[in-house]
Amino acid sequence: MFTFDQLAGFIAVAEELHFGRAAERLNMTQPPLSRQIQKLEKIVGAELLERDNRKVELTNAGQTFLEEARRLMALAERAPVTARRIASGRSGVLRIGFTAASGFSILGPLLEELSGIIPDVDVDLQELVTGEQLHGLLTGELDLGLARPPFDKETFDSHLLYRESMVLAVPSRHPLTLLARDISPEDFKEESLIMHSATQARYFYDLVVRTLPFNHANVVHTVSQILTMVSLVAANRGVAFVPHSATLLGIKGVEFLPLAVGDSEQVELHAIWNRRITNPALARLLRDLEFAME
């Protein structure tokens, strides 16, 4: 394998087309430079230069090799800089998991903030439910999650990004829209319900069961995604309990009504990360993000 000294010698000769000037440029004498070029040609297996007592010219193979040699030297010069940038968290890849609901609420503003803090770091986004995100954080497949509680606080560190209320999504012109007040359990006790999946949307399922008394016999559909729930409401298939951020979906044919519940902001979204941080980009992000400094 050739060395970078041999590449530098070849590039100098190729650009100067003169061994003497090339040797002077490299602060060396001509004989060792000539030997470097000869060794390089032997390693490459092709004549790179045509030389006689009067001139030096590149062969066709030499012209092609010159382009590659310059590229290799540029890579070699950039490699230490790139390594330092990655080590300092100024370059690399940050892998972020997010729930579907966070995708239409906080994800956009968060990415905008990230681009200002770590502009040269590539962000890899993966839409995953909370359980899948926690697994990815454990295995190292993810660096940061935007997920719902609960989670093991000994394994994961976190910051509460925001709280929001649950609202009742109903078809437009539904009789409940005429009440002009917060909706109580008595108001929806006879309504067909579109309910969260107890397995795929466990956080919302548990939250609704814990805070909103309803008749399980009224459940007509069970789904895992908020977007699907609101779409079914628009299709007049029933009413649904959804986070307030679902109002941002802009689906026609749906109205969102406030609920009369004890805690008006019971839905939580957290930024979660493994306490054993190995990605320098994440470490830098957590140092600089406003929520990490509070």
Protein backbone atom coordinates (compact mmCIF):
# COMPACT_ATOMS: atom_id res chain seq x y z
CA MET A 1 0.00 0.00 0.00
CA PHE A 2 1.23 3.46 -0.85
CA THR A 3 1.86 6.13 1.77
CA PHE A 4 0.58 9.69 2.03
CA ASP A 5 4.17 10.91 1.58
CA GLN A 6 4.26 9.13 -1.78
CA LEU A 7 0.92 10.66 -2.74
CA ALA A 8 2.12 14.13 -1.74
CA GLY A 9 5.30 13.64 -3.77
CA PHE A 10 3.36 12.51 -6.83
CA ILE A 11 0.92 15.42 -6.59
CA ALA A 12 3.78 17.92 -6.33
CA VAL A 13 5.56 16.50 -9.39
CA ALA A 14 2.28 16.27 -11.34
CA GLU A 15 1.49 19.92 -10.63
CA GLU A 16 5.01 21.27 -11.16
CA LEU A 17 5.93 18.88 -14.01
CA HIS A 18 9.48 19.26 -12.74
CA PHE A 19 11.25 17.11 -10.14
CA GLY A 20 13.53 19.89 -8.95
CA ARG A 21 10.75 22.38 -8.29
CA ALA A 22 8.60 19.66 -6.71
CA ALA A 23 11.46 18.63 -4.37
CA GLU A 24 12.00 22.25 -3.36
CA ARG A 25 8.30 22.65 -2.67
CA LEU A 26 8.40 19.59 -0.40
CA ASN A 27 11.63 20.71 1.34
CA MET A 28 13.52 17.61 0.21
CA THR A 29 16.15 16.69 -2.35
CA GLN A 30 15.38 15.29 -5.76
CA PRO A 31 16.80 11.70 -5.46
CA PRO A 32 14.50 10.55 -2.61
CA LEU A 33 11.54 12.14 -4.40
CA SER A 34 12.36 10.17 -7.55
CA ARG A 35 12.55 6.97 -5.49
CA GLN A 36 9.15 7.75 -3.92
CA ILE A 37 7.56 8.07 -7.36
CA GLN A 38 9.18 4.84 -8.58
CA LYS A 39 7.88 2.95 -5.52
CA LEU A 40 4.43 4.44 -6.04
CA GLU A 41 4.34 3.36 -9.68
CA LYS A 42 5.40 -0.13 -8.66
CA ILE A 43 2.61 -0.33 -6.06
CA VAL A 44 0.00 1.06 -8.46
CA GLY A 45 1.21 -1.20 -11.26
CA ALA A 46 1.24 1.51 -13.93
CA GLU A 47 3.53 4.25 -15.21
CA LEU A 48 2.20 7.56 -13.93
CA LEU A 49 4.81 9.93 -15.36
CA GLU A 50 6.72 10.15 -18.60
CA ARG A 51 10.07 11.81 -17.97
CA ASP A 52 13.29 12.44 -19.79
CA ASN A 53 16.09 14.98 -19.43
CA ARG A 54 13.96 17.77 -20.86
CA LYS A 55 10.39 17.37 -19.54
CA VAL A 56 7.97 15.53 -17.28
CA GLU A 57 4.43 14.68 -18.40
CA LEU A 58 1.52 12.77 -16.93
CA THR A 59 0.46 9.55 -18.60
CA ASN A 60 -3.25 8.81 -19.06
CA ALA A 61 -3.06 6.61 -15.96
CA GLY A 62 -1.26 9.41 -14.15
CA GLN A 63 -3.97 11.95 -14.96
CA THR A 64 -6.66 9.66 -13.55
CA PHE A 65 -4.57 8.76 -10.51
CA LEU A 66 -3.92 12.45 -9.82
CA GLU A 67 -7.63 13.09 -9.29
CA GLU A 68 -7.89 10.18 -6.87
CA ALA A 69 -4.70 11.18 -5.07
CA ARG A 70 -6.00 14.70 -4.49
CA ARG A 71 -9.28 13.27 -3.19
CA LEU A 72 -7.47 10.93 -0.80
CA MET A 73 -5.26 13.71 0.51
CA ALA A 74 -8.27 15.95 1.06
CA LEU A 75 -10.02 13.17 2.98
CA ALA A 76 -6.90 12.62 5.07
CA GLU A 77 -6.75 16.30 5.93
CA ARG A 78 -10.45 16.43 6.83
CA ALA A 79 -10.50 13.22 8.88
CA PRO A 80 -8.97 14.66 12.09
CA VAL A 81 -11.26 17.70 11.88
CA THR A 82 -14.29 15.47 11.39
CA ALA A 83 -13.27 13.26 14.29
CA ARG A 84 -12.88 16.29 16.55
CA ARG A 85 -16.29 17.61 15.49
CA ILE A 86 -17.96 14.28 16.24
CA ALA A 87 -16.19 14.01 19.60
CA SER A 88 -17.36 17.51 20.53
CA GLY A 89 -20.93 16.80 19.40
CA ARG A 90 -20.76 19.24 16.48
CA SER A 91 -21.17 16.53 13.85
CA GLY A 92 -22.55 13.02 13.55
CA VAL A 93 -26.07 11.57 13.74
CA LEU A 94 -28.76 12.00 16.40
CA ARG A 95 -31.47 9.32 16.31
CA ILE A 96 -34.80 10.51 17.69
CA GLY A 97 -37.92 8.45 18.34
CA PHE A 98 -41.30 10.16 18.50
CA THR A 99 -44.92 9.22 18.99
CA ALA A 100 -47.45 9.95 16.27
CA ALA A 101 -49.15 12.57 18.46
CA SER A 102 -45.88 14.42 19.07
CA GLY A 103 -45.30 14.40 15.33
CA PHE A 104 -48.05 16.95 14.78
CA SER A 105 -47.44 18.97 17.94
CA ILE A 106 -43.96 19.53 19.36
CA LEU A 107 -41.70 17.71 16.88
CA GLY A 108 -41.49 20.58 14.37
CA PRO A 109 -40.55 23.30 16.88
CA LEU A 110 -38.09 20.95 18.58
CA LEU A 111 -36.32 20.16 15.29
CA GLU A 112 -36.07 23.86 14.57
CA GLU A 113 -34.41 24.39 17.95
CA LEU A 114 -32.06 21.46 17.31
CA SER A 115 -30.97 22.91 13.98
CA GLY A 116 -29.81 26.03 15.78
CA ILE A 117 -27.87 24.14 18.45
CA ILE A 118 -26.33 21.33 16.38
CA PRO A 119 -26.68 22.48 12.75
CA ASP A 120 -24.16 20.01 11.34
CA VAL A 121 -25.64 16.95 13.05
CA ASP A 122 -27.91 14.75 10.92
CA VAL A 123 -31.21 13.87 12.60
CA ASP A 124 -32.67 10.40 12.01
CA LEU A 125 -36.38 10.31 12.90
CA GLN A 126 -38.32 7.15 13.77
CA GLU A 127 -42.05 7.09 14.57
CA LEU A 128 -42.48 4.61 17.42
CA VAL A 129 -44.83 4.00 20.33
CA THR A 130 -43.38 4.62 23.79
CA GLY A 131 -42.51 0.98 24.48
CA GLU A 132 -40.55 0.71 21.25
CA GLN A 133 -38.72 3.93 22.04
CA LEU A 134 -37.68 2.71 25.49
CA HIS A 135 -36.35 -0.49 23.93
CA GLY A 136 -34.41 1.53 21.35
CA LEU A 137 -32.90 3.73 24.05
CA LEU A 138 -31.80 0.62 25.95
CA THR A 139 -30.19 -1.05 22.93
CA GLY A 140 -28.56 2.14 21.65
CA GLU A 141 -30.68 2.25 18.49
CA LEU A 142 -32.09 5.60 19.66
CA ASP A 143 -30.45 8.57 21.37
CA LEU A 144 -33.53 10.56 22.36
CA GLY A 145 -37.21 9.74 22.71
CA LEU A 146 -40.34 11.88 22.73
CA ALA A 147 -42.61 9.61 24.69
CA ARG A 148 -45.16 9.14 27.43
CA PRO A 149 -44.66 7.95 31.01
CA PRO A 150 -44.18 5.72 32.88
CA PHE A 151 -40.55 4.71 32.48
CA ASP A 152 -37.71 3.50 34.71
CA LYS A 153 -36.20 6.64 36.21
CA GLU A 154 -33.07 4.77 37.29
CA THR A 155 -32.32 3.86 33.69
CA PHE A 156 -33.68 6.91 31.92
CA ASP A 157 -33.35 10.61 32.53
CA SER A 158 -36.05 12.89 31.21
CA HIS A 159 -37.56 16.32 31.01
CA LEU A 160 -41.25 17.15 30.82
CA LEU A 161 -41.75 18.95 27.51
CA TYR A 162 -45.38 19.91 28.02
CA ARG A 163 -48.74 19.01 29.49
CA GLU A 164 -52.06 19.26 27.72
CA SER A 165 -55.69 18.45 28.35
CA MET A 166 -57.87 15.70 26.95
CA VAL A 167 -60.80 16.88 24.83
CA LEU A 168 -63.79 15.14 23.29
CA ALA A 169 -63.73 14.91 19.50
CA VAL A 170 -67.25 14.83 18.05
CA PRO A 171 -68.67 15.09 14.53
CA SER A 172 -69.56 18.61 13.43
CA ARG A 173 -73.09 19.67 14.34
CA HIS A 174 -73.30 16.93 16.96
CA PRO A 175 -75.89 17.74 19.68
CA LEU A 176 -73.11 18.00 22.27
CA THR A 177 -71.71 21.04 20.44
CA LEU A 178 -74.84 22.98 21.42
CA LEU A 179 -74.27 22.67 25.17
CA ALA A 180 -71.79 25.57 25.28
CA ARG A 181 -70.06 24.19 28.40
CA ASP A 182 -67.55 21.56 29.50
CA ILE A 183 -68.71 18.04 28.71
CA SER A 184 -69.39 15.74 31.67
CA PRO A 185 -69.51 11.91 31.76
CA GLU A 186 -73.28 12.14 31.97
CA ASP A 187 -73.33 13.91 28.62
CA PHE A 188 -71.54 11.15 26.69
CA LYS A 189 -72.78 8.08 28.58
CA GLU A 190 -74.94 6.95 25.62
CA GLU A 191 -72.51 7.90 22.85
CA SER A 192 -70.71 5.41 20.60
CA LEU A 193 -67.03 5.56 21.56
CA ILE A 194 -63.86 5.21 19.52
CA MET A 195 -61.38 3.97 22.10
CA HIS A 196 -57.61 3.73 22.42
CA SER A 197 -56.02 0.30 22.13
CA ALA A 198 -55.13 -1.17 25.51
CA THR A 199 -51.89 -2.56 24.06
CA GLN A 200 -50.74 -0.22 21.28
CA ALA A 201 -51.89 3.00 22.98
CA ARG A 202 -51.59 1.93 26.59
CA TYR A 203 -50.79 5.39 27.98
CA PHE A 204 -53.96 6.99 26.62
CA TYR A 205 -56.06 3.92 27.41
CA ASP A 206 -54.98 3.93 31.06
CA LEU A 207 -55.44 7.71 31.27
CA VAL A 208 -59.00 7.59 29.95
CA VAL A 209 -59.97 4.62 32.15
CA ARG A 210 -58.51 6.35 35.20
CA THR A 211 -60.00 9.81 34.71
CA LEU A 212 -63.10 9.51 32.50
CA PRO A 213 -65.89 7.10 33.50
CA PHE A 214 -67.50 5.59 30.42
CA ASN A 215 -69.48 2.55 29.40
CA HIS A 216 -67.18 -0.06 27.80
CA ALA A 217 -70.20 -1.52 26.03
CA ASN A 218 -70.39 1.67 23.98
CA VAL A 219 -66.97 1.13 22.38
CA VAL A 220 -67.47 0.53 18.64
CA HIS A 221 -63.86 0.85 17.44
CA THR A 222 -60.46 0.34 19.10
CA VAL A 223 -57.47 1.97 17.39
CA SER A 224 -53.89 2.93 18.22
CA GLN A 225 -53.35 6.26 16.43
CA ILE A 226 -54.88 9.65 17.24
CA LEU A 227 -55.13 10.51 13.53
CA THR A 228 -57.20 7.37 12.93
CA MET A 229 -59.49 8.21 15.84
CA VAL A 230 -60.19 11.73 14.57
CA SER A 231 -60.75 10.44 11.04
CA LEU A 232 -63.33 7.97 12.33
CA VAL A 233 -65.05 10.77 14.23
CA ALA A 234 -65.19 12.78 10.99
CA ALA A 235 -66.83 9.74 9.38
CA ASN A 236 -69.54 9.93 12.08
CA ARG A 237 -68.52 6.61 13.63
CA GLY A 238 -68.60 7.94 17.20
CA VAL A 239 -66.87 10.30 19.60
CA ALA A 240 -63.31 10.00 20.96
CA PHE A 241 -61.12 11.20 23.80
CA VAL A 242 -58.00 12.79 22.28
CA PRO A 243 -55.23 15.15 23.45
CA HIS A 244 -55.77 18.84 22.74
CA SER A 245 -52.91 18.79 20.20
CA ALA A 246 -55.21 16.76 17.92
CA THR A 247 -56.90 20.06 17.10
CA LEU A 248 -53.81 20.83 15.00
CA LEU A 249 -54.65 18.02 12.57
CA GLY A 250 -57.15 20.23 10.72
CA ILE A 251 -59.49 17.38 9.78
CA LYS A 252 -62.81 18.70 8.50
CA GLY A 253 -66.05 17.56 10.03
CA VAL A 254 -64.76 17.39 13.62
CA GLU A 255 -65.20 19.66 16.62
CA PHE A 256 -63.28 19.44 19.90
CA LEU A 257 -65.10 20.02 23.16
CA PRO A 258 -63.57 20.65 26.61
CA LEU A 259 -64.09 17.96 29.25
CA ALA A 260 -65.15 18.52 32.83
CA VAL A 261 -62.36 16.59 34.57
CA GLY A 262 -60.41 17.24 37.75
CA ASP A 263 -56.95 17.75 36.20
CA SER A 264 -57.18 19.96 33.14
CA GLU A 265 -53.63 19.15 31.94
CA GLN A 266 -53.19 15.44 32.54
CA VAL A 267 -51.54 14.39 29.24
CA GLU A 268 -47.74 14.51 29.42
CA LEU A 269 -44.97 14.26 26.84
CA HIS A 270 -41.37 13.82 27.96
CA ALA A 271 -37.97 13.97 26.31
CA ILE A 272 -36.30 10.74 27.46
CA TRP A 273 -32.73 9.52 27.15
CA ASN A 274 -30.57 6.75 28.55
CA ARG A 275 -28.53 7.99 31.51
CA ARG A 276 -25.49 6.25 29.98
CA ILE A 277 -25.02 8.77 27.18
CA THR A 278 -22.57 7.63 24.51
CA ASN A 279 -23.42 10.01 21.65
CA PRO A 280 -21.48 13.31 21.96
CA ALA A 281 -24.13 15.09 19.86
CA LEU A 282 -26.76 14.21 22.47
CA ALA A 283 -24.51 15.31 25.32
CA ARG A 284 -23.96 18.67 23.62
CA LEU A 285 -27.67 19.04 22.88
CA LEU A 286 -28.61 18.39 26.50
CA ARG A 287 -26.06 20.97 27.66
CA ASP A 288 -27.42 23.64 25.36
CA LEU A 289 -31.15 23.00 25.17
CA GLU A 290 -33.11 25.34 27.36
CA PHE A 291 -35.11 22.54 28.96
CA ALA A 292 -31.94 20.71 29.97
CA MET A 293 -30.59 23.79 31.75
CA GLU A 294 -33.65 24.52 33.84
